[in-house]
PDB file of N, CA and C in Angstrom:
ATOM      1  N   MET A   1     -35.366 189.480-103.888  1.00  0.00           N
ATOM      2  CA  MET A   1     -35.168 190.493-102.872  1.00  0.00           C
ATOM      3  C   MET A   1     -36.543 190.994-102.427  1.00  0.00           C
ATOM      4  N   ALA A   2     -36.702 191.211-101.174  1.00  0.00           N
ATOM      5  CA  ALA A   2     -37.974 191.677-100.621  1.00  0.00           C
ATOM      6  C   ALA A   2     -38.231 193.105-101.050  1.00  0.00           C
ATOM      7  N   LYS A   3     -39.506 193.418-101.219  1.00  0.00           N
ATOM      8  CA  LYS A   3     -39.906 194.744-101.666  1.00  0.00           C
ATOM      9  C   LYS A   3     -39.450 195.808-100.661  1.00  0.00           C
ATOM     10  N   GLY A   4     -38.816 196.877-101.159  1.00  0.00           N
ATOM     11  CA  GLY A   4     -38.389 197.976-100.305  1.00  0.00           C
ATOM     12  C   GLY A   4     -37.073 197.713 -99.576  1.00  0.00           C
ATOM     13  N   ARG A   5     -36.387 196.633 -99.894  1.00  0.00           N
ATOM     14  CA  ARG A   5     -35.145 196.308 -99.196  1.00  0.00           C
ATOM     15  C   ARG A   5     -33.990 196.279-100.188  1.00  0.00           C
ATOM     16  N   ARG A   6     -32.888 196.934 -99.862  1.00  0.00           N
ATOM     17  CA  ARG A   6     -31.737 196.950-100.754  1.00  0.00           C
ATOM     18  C   ARG A   6     -30.489 196.546 -99.990  1.00  0.00           C
ATOM     19  N   GLY A   7     -29.533 196.010-100.730  1.00  0.00           N
ATOM     20  CA  GLY A   7     -28.207 195.774-100.166  1.00  0.00           C
ATOM     21  C   GLY A   7     -28.118 194.601 -99.222  1.00  0.00           C
ATOM     22  N   GLY A   8     -29.048 193.705 -99.205  1.00  0.00           N
ATOM     23  CA  GLY A   8     -28.912 192.508 -98.398  1.00  0.00           C
ATOM     24  C   GLY A   8     -28.979 192.744 -96.909  1.00  0.00           C
ATOM     25  N   GLY A   9     -29.451 193.873 -96.464  1.00  0.00           N
ATOM     26  CA  GLY A   9     -29.616 194.098 -95.034  1.00  0.00           C
ATOM     27  C   GLY A   9     -28.435 194.765 -94.354  1.00  0.00           C
ATOM     28  N   PHE A  10     -27.343 195.029 -95.097  1.00  0.00           N
ATOM     29  CA  PHE A  10     -26.200 195.705 -94.498  1.00  0.00           C
ATOM     30  C   PHE A  10     -26.411 197.202 -94.543  1.00  0.00           C
ATOM     31  N   PRO A  11     -25.867 197.956 -93.611  1.00  0.00           N
ATOM     32  CA  PRO A  11     -26.041 199.399 -93.625  1.00  0.00           C
ATOM     33  C   PRO A  11     -25.400 200.013 -94.863  1.00  0.00           C
ATOM     34  N   ARG A  12     -25.879 201.174 -95.227  1.00  0.00           N
ATOM     35  CA  ARG A  12     -25.301 201.865 -96.381  1.00  0.00           C
ATOM     36  C   ARG A  12     -23.824 202.138 -96.133  1.00  0.00           C
ATOM     37  N   GLY A  13     -23.064 202.166 -97.196  1.00  0.00           N
ATOM     38  CA  GLY A  13     -21.629 202.392 -97.064  1.00  0.00           C
ATOM     39  C   GLY A  13     -20.872 201.085 -97.190  1.00  0.00           C
ATOM     40  N   GLY A  14     -21.548 199.951 -97.266  1.00  0.00           N
ATOM     41  CA  GLY A  14     -20.911 198.677 -97.528  1.00  0.00           C
ATOM     42  C   GLY A  14     -20.205 198.045 -96.338  1.00  0.00           C
ATOM     43  N   GLY A  15     -20.156 198.676 -95.176  1.00  0.00           N
ATOM     44  CA  GLY A  15     -19.448 198.108 -94.036  1.00  0.00           C
ATOM     45  C   GLY A  15     -20.264 197.065 -93.306  1.00  0.00           C
ATOM     46  N   MET A  16     -19.611 196.297 -92.488  1.00  0.00           N
ATOM     47  CA  MET A  16     -20.292 195.304 -91.664  1.00  0.00           C
ATOM     48  C   MET A  16     -20.920 196.028 -90.473  1.00  0.00           C
ATOM     49  N   PRO A  17     -22.017 195.495 -89.956  1.00  0.00           N
ATOM     50  CA  PRO A  17     -22.598 196.106 -88.752  1.00  0.00           C
ATOM     51  C   PRO A  17     -21.566 196.155 -87.636  1.00  0.00           C
ATOM     52  N   GLY A  18     -21.466 197.286 -86.974  1.00  0.00           N
ATOM     53  CA  GLY A  18     -20.518 197.417 -85.860  1.00  0.00           C
ATOM     54  C   GLY A  18     -19.079 197.554 -86.316  1.00  0.00           C
ATOM     55  N   GLY A  19     -18.843 197.873 -87.580  1.00  0.00           N
ATOM     56  CA  GLY A  19     -17.485 197.949 -88.130  1.00  0.00           C
ATOM     57  C   GLY A  19     -16.592 198.928 -87.397  1.00  0.00           C
ATOM     58  N   GLY A  20     -17.147 200.041 -86.954  1.00  0.00           N
ATOM     59  CA  GLY A  20     -16.352 201.022 -86.220  1.00  0.00           C
ATOM     60  C   GLY A  20     -15.825 200.456 -84.920  1.00  0.00           C
ATOM     61  N   GLN A  21     -16.625 199.670 -84.251  1.00  0.00           N
ATOM     62  CA  GLN A  21     -16.184 199.030 -83.008  1.00  0.00           C
ATOM     63  C   GLN A  21     -15.083 198.011 -83.284  1.00  0.00           C
ATOM     64  N   MET A  22     -15.210 197.284 -84.391  1.00  0.00           N
ATOM     65  CA  MET A  22     -14.194 196.297 -84.748  1.00  0.00           C
ATOM     66  C   MET A  22     -12.869 196.987 -85.062  1.00  0.00           C
ATOM     67  N   ASP A  23     -12.926 198.105 -85.785  1.00  0.00           N
ATOM     68  CA  ASP A  23     -11.715 198.861 -86.091  1.00  0.00           C
ATOM     69  C   ASP A  23     -11.037 199.331 -84.810  1.00  0.00           C
ATOM     70  N   GLN A  24     -11.838 199.830 -83.881  1.00  0.00           N
ATOM     71  CA  GLN A  24     -11.295 200.299 -82.613  1.00  0.00           C
ATOM     72  C   GLN A  24     -10.659 199.144 -81.845  1.00  0.00           C
ATOM     73  N   LEU A  25     -11.314 198.000 -81.843  1.00  0.00           N
ATOM     74  CA  LEU A  25     -10.783 196.822 -81.161  1.00  0.00           C
ATOM     75  C   LEU A  25      -9.464 196.379 -81.794  1.00  0.00           C
ATOM     76  N   MET A  26      -9.410 196.415 -83.112  1.00  0.00           N
ATOM     77  CA  MET A  26      -8.176 196.033 -83.818  1.00  0.00           C
ATOM     78  C   MET A  26      -7.045 197.007 -83.500  1.00  0.00           C
ATOM     79  N   ARG A  27      -7.356 198.307 -83.441  1.00  0.00           N
ATOM     80  CA  ARG A  27      -6.321 199.294 -83.088  1.00  0.00           C
ATOM     81  C   ARG A  27      -5.811 199.064 -81.668  1.00  0.00           C
ATOM     82  N   GLN A  28      -6.737 198.768 -80.755  1.00  0.00           N
ATOM     83  CA  GLN A  28      -6.333 198.497 -79.371  1.00  0.00           C
ATOM     84  C   GLN A  28      -5.464 197.250 -79.298  1.00  0.00           C
ATOM     85  N   ALA A  29      -5.821 196.222 -80.054  1.00  0.00           N
ATOM     86  CA  ALA A  29      -5.038 194.987 -80.058  1.00  0.00           C
ATOM     87  C   ALA A  29      -3.645 195.237 -80.623  1.00  0.00           C
ATOM     88  N   GLN A  30      -3.560 196.041 -81.683  1.00  0.00           N
ATOM     89  CA  GLN A  30      -2.265 196.351 -82.274  1.00  0.00           C
ATOM     90  C   GLN A  30      -1.405 197.151 -81.294  1.00  0.00           C
ATOM     91  N   LYS A  31      -2.023 198.113 -80.612  1.00  0.00           N
ATOM     92  CA  LYS A  31      -1.278 198.915 -79.631  1.00  0.00           C
ATOM     93  C   LYS A  31      -0.769 198.027 -78.494  1.00  0.00           C
ATOM     94  N   MET A  32      -1.626 197.115 -78.025  1.00  0.00           N
ATOM     95  CA  MET A  32      -1.210 196.211 -76.954  1.00  0.00           C
ATOM     96  C   MET A  32      -0.074 195.309 -77.419  1.00  0.00           C
ATOM     97  N   GLN A  33      -0.139 194.856 -78.664  1.00  0.00           N
ATOM     98  CA  GLN A  33       0.928 194.018 -79.200  1.00  0.00           C
ATOM     99  C   GLN A  33       2.250 194.790 -79.244  1.00  0.00           C
ATOM    100  N   GLU A  34       2.200 196.055 -79.654  1.00  0.00           N
ATOM    101  CA  GLU A  34       3.409 196.886 -79.684  1.00  0.00           C
ATOM    102  C   GLU A  34       3.954 197.093 -78.272  1.00  0.00           C
ATOM    103  N   GLU A  35       3.065 197.384 -77.322  1.00  0.00           N
ATOM    104  CA  GLU A  35       3.499 197.575 -75.938  1.00  0.00           C
ATOM    105  C   GLU A  35       4.075 196.281 -75.361  1.00  0.00           C
ATOM    106  N   LEU A  36       3.489 195.154 -75.725  1.00  0.00           N
ATOM    107  CA  LEU A  36       3.980 193.862 -75.265  1.00  0.00           C
ATOM    108  C   LEU A  36       5.378 193.604 -75.809  1.00  0.00           C
ATOM    109  N   GLN A  37       5.611 193.955 -77.068  1.00  0.00           N
ATOM    110  CA  GLN A  37       6.937 193.790 -77.666  1.00  0.00           C
ATOM    111  C   GLN A  37       7.973 194.610 -76.898  1.00  0.00           C
ATOM    112  N   ILE A  38       7.627 195.845 -76.569  1.00  0.00           N
ATOM    113  CA  ILE A  38       8.535 196.706 -75.806  1.00  0.00           C
ATOM    114  C   ILE A  38       8.791 196.106 -74.426  1.00  0.00           C
ATOM    115  N   ALA A  39       7.735 195.643 -73.771  1.00  0.00           N
ATOM    116  CA  ALA A  39       7.883 195.043 -72.439  1.00  0.00           C
ATOM    117  C   ALA A  39       8.761 193.806 -72.492  1.00  0.00           C
ATOM    118  N   GLN A  40       8.615 193.003 -73.543  1.00  0.00           N
ATOM    119  CA  GLN A  40       9.447 191.805 -73.674  1.00  0.00           C
ATOM    120  C   GLN A  40      10.910 192.188 -73.875  1.00  0.00           C
ATOM    121  N   GLU A  41      11.159 193.234 -74.651  1.00  0.00           N
ATOM    122  CA  GLU A  41      12.531 193.700 -74.850  1.00  0.00           C
ATOM    123  C   GLU A  41      13.118 194.205 -73.536  1.00  0.00           C
ATOM    124  N   GLU A  42      12.311 194.924 -72.764  1.00  0.00           N
ATOM    125  CA  GLU A  42      12.775 195.410 -71.458  1.00  0.00           C
ATOM    126  C   GLU A  42      13.032 194.239 -70.513  1.00  0.00           C
ATOM    127  N   ALA A  43      12.146 193.259 -70.521  1.00  0.00           N
ATOM    128  CA  ALA A  43      12.312 192.090 -69.647  1.00  0.00           C
ATOM    129  C   ALA A  43      13.587 191.334 -69.995  1.00  0.00           C
ATOM    130  N   ALA A  44      13.949 191.323 -71.269  1.00  0.00           N
ATOM    131  CA  ALA A  44      15.167 190.624 -71.689  1.00  0.00           C
ATOM    132  C   ALA A  44      16.424 191.295 -71.137  1.00  0.00           C
ATOM    133  N   LEU A  45      16.303 192.538 -70.722  1.00  0.00           N
ATOM    134  CA  LEU A  45      17.451 193.271 -70.175  1.00  0.00           C
ATOM    135  C   LEU A  45      17.477 193.273 -68.644  1.00  0.00           C
ATOM    136  N   MET A  46      16.421 192.746 -68.021  1.00  0.00           N
ATOM    137  CA  MET A  46      16.330 192.773 -66.564  1.00  0.00           C
ATOM    138  C   MET A  46      17.364 191.857 -65.917  1.00  0.00           C
ATOM    139  N   LYS A  47      17.792 192.285 -64.738  1.00  0.00           N
ATOM    140  CA  LYS A  47      18.713 191.495 -63.925  1.00  0.00           C
ATOM    141  C   LYS A  47      18.247 191.566 -62.479  1.00  0.00           C
ATOM    142  N   ALA A  48      18.514 190.502 -61.748  1.00  0.00           N
ATOM    143  CA  ALA A  48      18.152 190.472 -60.334  1.00  0.00           C
ATOM    144  C   ALA A  48      19.366 190.011 -59.539  1.00  0.00           C
ATOM    145  N   GLU A  49      19.528 190.617 -58.386  1.00  0.00           N
ATOM    146  CA  GLU A  49      20.635 190.267 -57.494  1.00  0.00           C
ATOM    147  C   GLU A  49      20.060 189.759 -56.185  1.00  0.00           C
ATOM    148  N   ALA A  50      20.723 188.745 -55.630  1.00  0.00           N
ATOM    149  CA  ALA A  50      20.305 188.211 -54.335  1.00  0.00           C
ATOM    150  C   ALA A  50      21.538 187.754 -53.581  1.00  0.00           C
ATOM    151  N   THR A  51      21.404 187.781 -52.256  1.00  0.00           N
ATOM    152  CA  THR A  51      22.486 187.314 -51.402  1.00  0.00           C
ATOM    153  C   THR A  51      21.939 186.283 -50.422  1.00  0.00           C
ATOM    154  N   ALA A  52      22.853 185.550 -49.837  1.00  0.00           N
ATOM    155  CA  ALA A  52      22.488 184.580 -48.798  1.00  0.00           C
ATOM    156  C   ALA A  52      23.594 184.567 -47.754  1.00  0.00           C
ATOM    157  N   GLY A  53      23.224 184.145 -46.561  1.00  0.00           N
ATOM    158  CA  GLY A  53      24.205 184.058 -45.481  1.00  0.00           C
ATOM    159  C   GLY A  53      24.751 185.404 -45.073  1.00  0.00           C
ATOM    160  N   GLY A  54      23.887 186.420 -45.080  1.00  0.00           N
ATOM    161  CA  GLY A  54      24.341 187.749 -44.677  1.00  0.00           C
ATOM    162  C   GLY A  54      25.280 188.373 -45.687  1.00  0.00           C
ATOM    163  N   GLY A  55      25.186 187.950 -46.937  1.00  0.00           N
ATOM    164  CA  GLY A  55      26.001 188.548 -47.988  1.00  0.00           C
ATOM    165  C   GLY A  55      27.249 187.760 -48.341  1.00  0.00           C
ATOM    166  N   VAL A  56      27.433 186.590 -47.741  1.00  0.00           N
ATOM    167  CA  VAL A  56      28.639 185.819 -48.055  1.00  0.00           C
ATOM    168  C   VAL A  56      28.561 185.166 -49.430  1.00  0.00           C
ATOM    169  N   VAL A  57      27.347 185.005 -49.948  1.00  0.00           N
ATOM    170  CA  VAL A  57      27.149 184.521 -51.313  1.00  0.00           C
ATOM    171  C   VAL A  57      26.259 185.536 -52.021  1.00  0.00           C
ATOM    172  N   ARG A  58      26.709 185.964 -53.214  1.00  0.00           N
ATOM    173  CA  ARG A  58      25.943 186.929 -54.005  1.00  0.00           C
ATOM    174  C   ARG A  58      25.793 186.400 -55.417  1.00  0.00           C
ATOM    175  N   VAL A  59      24.559 186.511 -55.957  1.00  0.00           N
ATOM    176  CA  VAL A  59      24.262 186.051 -57.314  1.00  0.00           C
ATOM    177  C   VAL A  59      23.653 187.200 -58.095  1.00  0.00           C
ATOM    178  N   LEU A  60      24.107 187.380 -59.331  1.00  0.00           N
ATOM    179  CA  LEU A  60      23.485 188.308 -60.269  1.00  0.00           C
ATOM    180  C   LEU A  60      22.949 187.462 -61.409  1.00  0.00           C
ATOM    181  N   MET A  61      21.627 187.531 -61.605  1.00  0.00           N
ATOM    182  CA  MET A  61      20.973 186.706 -62.605  1.00  0.00           C
ATOM    183  C   MET A  61      20.353 187.589 -63.678  1.00  0.00           C
ATOM    184  N   ALA A  62      20.570 187.205 -64.931  1.00  0.00           N
ATOM    185  CA  ALA A  62      20.007 187.931 -66.067  1.00  0.00           C
ATOM    186  C   ALA A  62      18.775 187.197 -66.580  1.00  0.00           C
ATOM    187  N   SER A  63      18.114 187.818 -67.550  1.00  0.00           N
ATOM    188  CA  SER A  63      16.931 187.185 -68.120  1.00  0.00           C
ATOM    189  C   SER A  63      17.296 185.808 -68.648  1.00  0.00           C
ATOM    190  N   GLY A  64      16.302 184.959 -68.708  1.00  0.00           N
ATOM    191  CA  GLY A  64      16.562 183.580 -69.091  1.00  0.00           C
ATOM    192  C   GLY A  64      17.160 182.792 -67.941  1.00  0.00           C
ATOM    193  N   HIS A  65      17.201 183.425 -66.765  1.00  0.00           N
ATOM    194  CA  HIS A  65      17.736 182.817 -65.551  1.00  0.00           C
ATOM    195  C   HIS A  65      19.187 182.354 -65.729  1.00  0.00           C
ATOM    196  N   GLN A  66      19.949 183.179 -66.447  1.00  0.00           N
ATOM    197  CA  GLN A  66      21.368 182.912 -66.631  1.00  0.00           C
ATOM    198  C   GLN A  66      22.147 183.627 -65.532  1.00  0.00           C
ATOM    199  N   ILE A  67      22.982 182.888 -64.837  1.00  0.00           N
ATOM    200  CA  ILE A  67      23.804 183.487 -63.784  1.00  0.00           C
ATOM    201  C   ILE A  67      24.958 184.228 -64.445  1.00  0.00           C
ATOM    202  N   GLU A  68      25.008 185.546 -64.205  1.00  0.00           N
ATOM    203  CA  GLU A  68      26.084 186.370 -64.759  1.00  0.00           C
ATOM    204  C   GLU A  68      27.251 186.476 -63.794  1.00  0.00           C
ATOM    205  N   GLU A  69      26.927 186.534 -62.514  1.00  0.00           N
ATOM    206  CA  GLU A  69      27.981 186.646 -61.502  1.00  0.00           C
ATOM    207  C   GLU A  69      27.620 185.772 -60.314  1.00  0.00           C
ATOM    208  N   LEU A  70      28.638 185.173 -59.744  1.00  0.00           N
ATOM    209  CA  LEU A  70      28.490 184.409 -58.512  1.00  0.00           C
ATOM    210  C   LEU A  70      29.716 184.713 -57.666  1.00  0.00           C
ATOM    211  N   GLU A  71      29.480 185.360 -56.548  1.00  0.00           N
ATOM    212  CA  GLU A  71      30.579 185.709 -55.646  1.00  0.00           C
ATOM    213  C   GLU A  71      30.411 184.951 -54.336  1.00  0.00           C
ATOM    214  N   ILE A  72      31.507 184.377 -53.877  1.00  0.00           N
ATOM    215  CA  ILE A  72      31.519 183.660 -52.596  1.00  0.00           C
ATOM    216  C   ILE A  72      32.661 184.231 -51.769  1.00  0.00           C
ATOM    217  N   ASN A  73      32.328 184.684 -50.574  1.00  0.00           N
ATOM    218  CA  ASN A  73      33.354 185.187 -49.666  1.00  0.00           C
ATOM    219  C   ASN A  73      34.265 184.018 -49.296  1.00  0.00           C
ATOM    220  N   PRO A  74      35.569 184.140 -49.564  1.00  0.00           N
ATOM    221  CA  PRO A  74      36.496 183.041 -49.292  1.00  0.00           C
ATOM    222  C   PRO A  74      36.533 182.613 -47.814  1.00  0.00           C
ATOM    223  N   ASP A  75      36.154 183.518 -46.932  1.00  0.00           N
ATOM    224  CA  ASP A  75      36.179 183.192 -45.503  1.00  0.00           C
ATOM    225  C   ASP A  75      35.177 182.105 -45.127  1.00  0.00           C
ATOM    226  N   VAL A  76      34.153 181.887 -45.966  1.00  0.00           N
ATOM    227  CA  VAL A  76      33.145 180.884 -45.638  1.00  0.00           C
ATOM    228  C   VAL A  76      33.428 179.535 -46.280  1.00  0.00           C
ATOM    229  N   VAL A  77      34.483 179.457 -47.056  1.00  0.00           N
ATOM    230  CA  VAL A  77      34.816 178.191 -47.705  1.00  0.00           C
ATOM    231  C   VAL A  77      35.502 177.299 -46.678  1.00  0.00           C
ATOM    232  N   ASP A  78      34.775 176.291 -46.245  1.00  0.00           N
ATOM    233  CA  ASP A  78      35.269 175.336 -45.255  1.00  0.00           C
ATOM    234  C   ASP A  78      35.188 173.937 -45.866  1.00  0.00           C
ATOM    235  N   PRO A  79      36.318 173.328 -46.155  1.00  0.00           N
ATOM    236  CA  PRO A  79      36.301 171.994 -46.766  1.00  0.00           C
ATOM    237  C   PRO A  79      35.556 170.961 -45.917  1.00  0.00           C
ATOM    238  N   GLU A  80      35.424 171.239 -44.626  1.00  0.00           N
ATOM    239  CA  GLU A  80      34.725 170.316 -43.731  1.00  0.00           C
ATOM    240  C   GLU A  80      33.206 170.521 -43.763  1.00  0.00           C
ATOM    241  N   ASP A  81      32.753 171.648 -44.376  1.00  0.00           N
ATOM    242  CA  ASP A  81      31.326 171.938 -44.384  1.00  0.00           C
ATOM    243  C   ASP A  81      30.900 172.466 -45.762  1.00  0.00           C
ATOM    244  N   VAL A  82      31.135 171.667 -46.770  1.00  0.00           N
ATOM    245  CA  VAL A  82      30.771 172.032 -48.133  1.00  0.00           C
ATOM    246  C   VAL A  82      29.248 172.155 -48.268  1.00  0.00           C
ATOM    247  N   GLU A  83      28.526 171.365 -47.509  1.00  0.00           N
ATOM    248  CA  GLU A  83      27.070 171.371 -47.582  1.00  0.00           C
ATOM    249  C   GLU A  83      26.499 172.750 -47.237  1.00  0.00           C
ATOM    250  N   MET A  84      27.068 173.424 -46.266  1.00  0.00           N
ATOM    251  CA  MET A  84      26.594 174.758 -45.900  1.00  0.00           C
ATOM    252  C   MET A  84      26.780 175.724 -47.068  1.00  0.00           C
ATOM    253  N   LEU A  85      27.918 175.653 -47.734  1.00  0.00           N
ATOM    254  CA  LEU A  85      28.176 176.522 -48.875  1.00  0.00           C
ATOM    255  C   LEU A  85      27.203 176.206 -50.020  1.00  0.00           C
ATOM    256  N   GLN A  86      26.949 174.943 -50.249  1.00  0.00           N
ATOM    257  CA  GLN A  86      25.987 174.552 -51.282  1.00  0.00           C
ATOM    258  C   GLN A  86      24.601 175.112 -50.968  1.00  0.00           C
ATOM    259  N   ASP A  87      24.208 175.055 -49.718  1.00  0.00           N
ATOM    260  CA  ASP A  87      22.909 175.588 -49.316  1.00  0.00           C
ATOM    261  C   ASP A  87      22.835 177.098 -49.538  1.00  0.00           C
ATOM    262  N   LEU A  88      23.909 177.808 -49.228  1.00  0.00           N
ATOM    263  CA  LEU A  88      23.931 179.256 -49.422  1.00  0.00           C
ATOM    264  C   LEU A  88      23.844 179.626 -50.905  1.00  0.00           C
ATOM    265  N   VAL A  89      24.576 178.903 -51.742  1.00  0.00           N
ATOM    266  CA  VAL A  89      24.530 179.160 -53.181  1.00  0.00           C
ATOM    267  C   VAL A  89      23.126 178.867 -53.714  1.00  0.00           C
ATOM    268  N   THR A  90      22.566 177.757 -53.301  1.00  0.00           N
ATOM    269  CA  THR A  90      21.214 177.397 -53.735  1.00  0.00           C
ATOM    270  C   THR A  90      20.207 178.467 -53.318  1.00  0.00           C
ATOM    271  N   ALA A  91      20.304 178.926 -52.088  1.00  0.00           N
ATOM    272  CA  ALA A  91      19.381 179.943 -51.585  1.00  0.00           C
ATOM    273  C   ALA A  91      19.511 181.244 -52.381  1.00  0.00           C
ATOM    274  N   ALA A  92      20.729 181.664 -52.666  1.00  0.00           N
ATOM    275  CA  ALA A  92      20.940 182.905 -53.408  1.00  0.00           C
ATOM    276  C   ALA A  92      20.425 182.786 -54.845  1.00  0.00           C
ATOM    277  N   VAL A  93      20.681 181.658 -55.485  1.00  0.00           N
ATOM    278  CA  VAL A  93      20.211 181.457 -56.861  1.00  0.00           C
ATOM    279  C   VAL A  93      18.685 181.433 -56.903  1.00  0.00           C
ATOM    280  N   ASN A  94      18.070 180.714 -55.977  1.00  0.00           N
ATOM    281  CA  ASN A  94      16.613 180.643 -55.950  1.00  0.00           C
ATOM    282  C   ASN A  94      15.985 182.009 -55.687  1.00  0.00           C
ATOM    283  N   GLU A  95      16.576 182.796 -54.818  1.00  0.00           N
ATOM    284  CA  GLU A  95      16.039 184.129 -54.524  1.00  0.00           C
ATOM    285  C   GLU A  95      16.192 185.053 -55.730  1.00  0.00           C
ATOM    286  N   ALA A  96      17.330 184.997 -56.405  1.00  0.00           N
ATOM    287  CA  ALA A  96      17.520 185.818 -57.606  1.00  0.00           C
ATOM    288  C   ALA A  96      16.507 185.417 -58.685  1.00  0.00           C
ATOM    289  N   SER A  97      16.262 184.138 -58.825  1.00  0.00           N
ATOM    290  CA  SER A  97      15.292 183.646 -59.805  1.00  0.00           C
ATOM    291  C   SER A  97      13.888 184.132 -59.471  1.00  0.00           C
ATOM    292  N   ARG A  98      13.515 184.068 -58.202  1.00  0.00           N
ATOM    293  CA  ARG A  98      12.198 184.540 -57.761  1.00  0.00           C
ATOM    294  C   ARG A  98      12.047 186.027 -58.038  1.00  0.00           C
ATOM    295  N   LYS A  99      13.092 186.816 -57.722  1.00  0.00           N
ATOM    296  CA  LYS A  99      13.047 188.258 -57.947  1.00  0.00           C
ATOM    297  C   LYS A  99      12.899 188.578 -59.433  1.00  0.00           C
ATOM    298  N   LEU A 100      13.651 187.880 -60.261  1.00  0.00           N
ATOM    299  CA  LEU A 100      13.590 188.110 -61.703  1.00  0.00           C
ATOM    300  C   LEU A 100      12.200 187.792 -62.242  1.00  0.00           C
ATOM    301  N   ASP A 101      11.619 186.685 -61.805  1.00  0.00           N
ATOM    302  CA  ASP A 101      10.256 186.331 -62.223  1.00  0.00           C
ATOM    303  C   ASP A 101       9.259 187.405 -61.794  1.00  0.00           C
ATOM    304  N   GLU A 102       9.404 187.884 -60.578  1.00  0.00           N
ATOM    305  CA  GLU A 102       8.497 188.903 -60.053  1.00  0.00           C
ATOM    306  C   GLU A 102       8.623 190.210 -60.848  1.00  0.00           C
ATOM    307  N   MET A 103       9.852 190.606 -61.155  1.00  0.00           N
ATOM    308  CA  MET A 103      10.070 191.826 -61.932  1.00  0.00           C
ATOM    309  C   MET A 103       9.447 191.704 -63.323  1.00  0.00           C
ATOM    310  N   THR A 104       9.627 190.548 -63.944  1.00  0.00           N
ATOM    311  CA  THR A 104       9.087 190.312 -65.279  1.00  0.00           C
ATOM    312  C   THR A 104       7.568 190.319 -65.252  1.00  0.00           C
ATOM    313  N   GLU A 105       6.978 189.650 -64.272  1.00  0.00           N
ATOM    314  CA  GLU A 105       5.520 189.615 -64.152  1.00  0.00           C
ATOM    315  C   GLU A 105       4.956 191.012 -63.930  1.00  0.00           C
ATOM    316  N   GLU A 106       5.620 191.805 -63.086  1.00  0.00           N
ATOM    317  CA  GLU A 106       5.151 193.171 -62.838  1.00  0.00           C
ATOM    318  C   GLU A 106       5.196 194.005 -64.110  1.00  0.00           C
ATOM    319  N   ARG A 107       6.260 193.851 -64.890  1.00  0.00           N
ATOM    320  CA  ARG A 107       6.384 194.621 -66.138  1.00  0.00           C
ATOM    321  C   ARG A 107       5.312 194.198 -67.140  1.00  0.00           C
ATOM    322  N   MET A 108       5.077 192.904 -67.251  1.00  0.00           N
ATOM    323  CA  MET A 108       4.069 192.413 -68.191  1.00  0.00           C
ATOM    324  C   MET A 108       2.661 192.809 -67.742  1.00  0.00           C
ATOM    325  N   ALA A 109       2.429 192.891 -66.444  1.00  0.00           N
ATOM    326  CA  ALA A 109       1.112 193.267 -65.926  1.00  0.00           C
ATOM    327  C   ALA A 109       0.750 194.690 -66.329  1.00  0.00           C
ATOM    328  N   VAL A 110       1.750 195.537 -66.521  1.00  0.00           N
ATOM    329  CA  VAL A 110       1.491 196.902 -66.966  1.00  0.00           C
ATOM    330  C   VAL A 110       0.842 196.867 -68.348  1.00  0.00           C
ATOM    331  N   VAL A 111       1.303 195.977 -69.209  1.00  0.00           N
ATOM    332  CA  VAL A 111       0.776 195.876 -70.569  1.00  0.00           C
ATOM    333  C   VAL A 111      -0.557 195.141 -70.593  1.00  0.00           C
ATOM    334  N   THR A 112      -0.627 194.024 -69.882  1.00  0.00           N
ATOM    335  CA  THR A 112      -1.817 193.175 -69.953  1.00  0.00           C
ATOM    336  C   THR A 112      -2.901 193.597 -68.990  1.00  0.00           C
ATOM    337  N   GLY A 113      -2.588 194.544 -68.128  1.00  0.00           N
ATOM    338  CA  GLY A 113      -3.565 194.959 -67.123  1.00  0.00           C
ATOM    339  C   GLY A 113      -3.695 193.939 -66.015  1.00  0.00           C
ATOM    340  N   GLY A 114      -2.769 192.995 -65.971  1.00  0.00           N
ATOM    341  CA  GLY A 114      -2.788 191.968 -64.927  1.00  0.00           C
ATOM    342  C   GLY A 114      -3.901 190.963 -65.106  1.00  0.00           C
ATOM    343  N   GLY A 115      -4.609 191.058 -66.249  1.00  0.00           N
ATOM    344  CA  GLY A 115      -5.773 190.202 -66.456  1.00  0.00           C
ATOM    345  C   GLY A 115      -5.463 188.782 -66.868  1.00  0.00           C
ATOM    346  N   PHE A 116      -4.274 188.560 -67.411  1.00  0.00           N
ATOM    347  CA  PHE A 116      -3.936 187.203 -67.788  1.00  0.00           C
ATOM    348  C   PHE A 116      -2.448 187.021 -67.745  1.00  0.00           C
ATOM    349  N   SER A 117      -2.033 185.762 -67.705  1.00  0.00           N
ATOM    350  CA  SER A 117      -0.642 185.411 -67.602  1.00  0.00           C
ATOM    351  C   SER A 117      -0.148 184.973 -68.976  1.00  0.00           C
ATOM    352  N   LEU A 118       1.094 185.321 -69.297  1.00  0.00           N
ATOM    353  CA  LEU A 118       1.671 184.917 -70.569  1.00  0.00           C
ATOM    354  C   LEU A 118       2.583 183.727 -70.337  1.00  0.00           C
ATOM    355  N   PRO A 119       2.453 182.693 -71.145  1.00  0.00           N
ATOM    356  CA  PRO A 119       3.310 181.522 -70.983  1.00  0.00           C
ATOM    357  C   PRO A 119       4.772 181.929 -71.118  1.00  0.00           C
ATOM    358  N   GLY A 120       5.601 181.411 -70.257  1.00  0.00           N
ATOM    359  CA  GLY A 120       7.028 181.696 -70.314  1.00  0.00           C
ATOM    360  C   GLY A 120       7.445 182.956 -69.602  1.00  0.00           C
ATOM    361  N   PHE A 121       6.497 183.669 -68.996  1.00  0.00           N
ATOM    362  CA  PHE A 121       6.837 184.886 -68.262  1.00  0.00           C
ATOM    363  C   PHE A 121       6.335 184.821 -66.863  1.00  0.00           C
TER     364      PHE A 121
END
């Protein structure tokens, strides 16, 4: 050991240099993890509704992009034009999916500060 030097160069008290900053960083990370857990639970309860064709097709979509409700006005069911009905259903489902993704991203951005994207959200 060099003359006049004790403890291997670490500050007195046995801690690592900058230990207080590391503790603060760890607390912030833990808080963010807790907030993220809450946001994920809230996102799991989110639902989005969309319509197409002026409301003749309505879709209610839950998290996981599961369709909970699909309503079709019977007046638009035309056996001669099934393609139009298929297009309306597709449009309503796609819009509900887009809305649900947007709602989830907005909720997660509150926790992450919008600085990064989470896989699967």
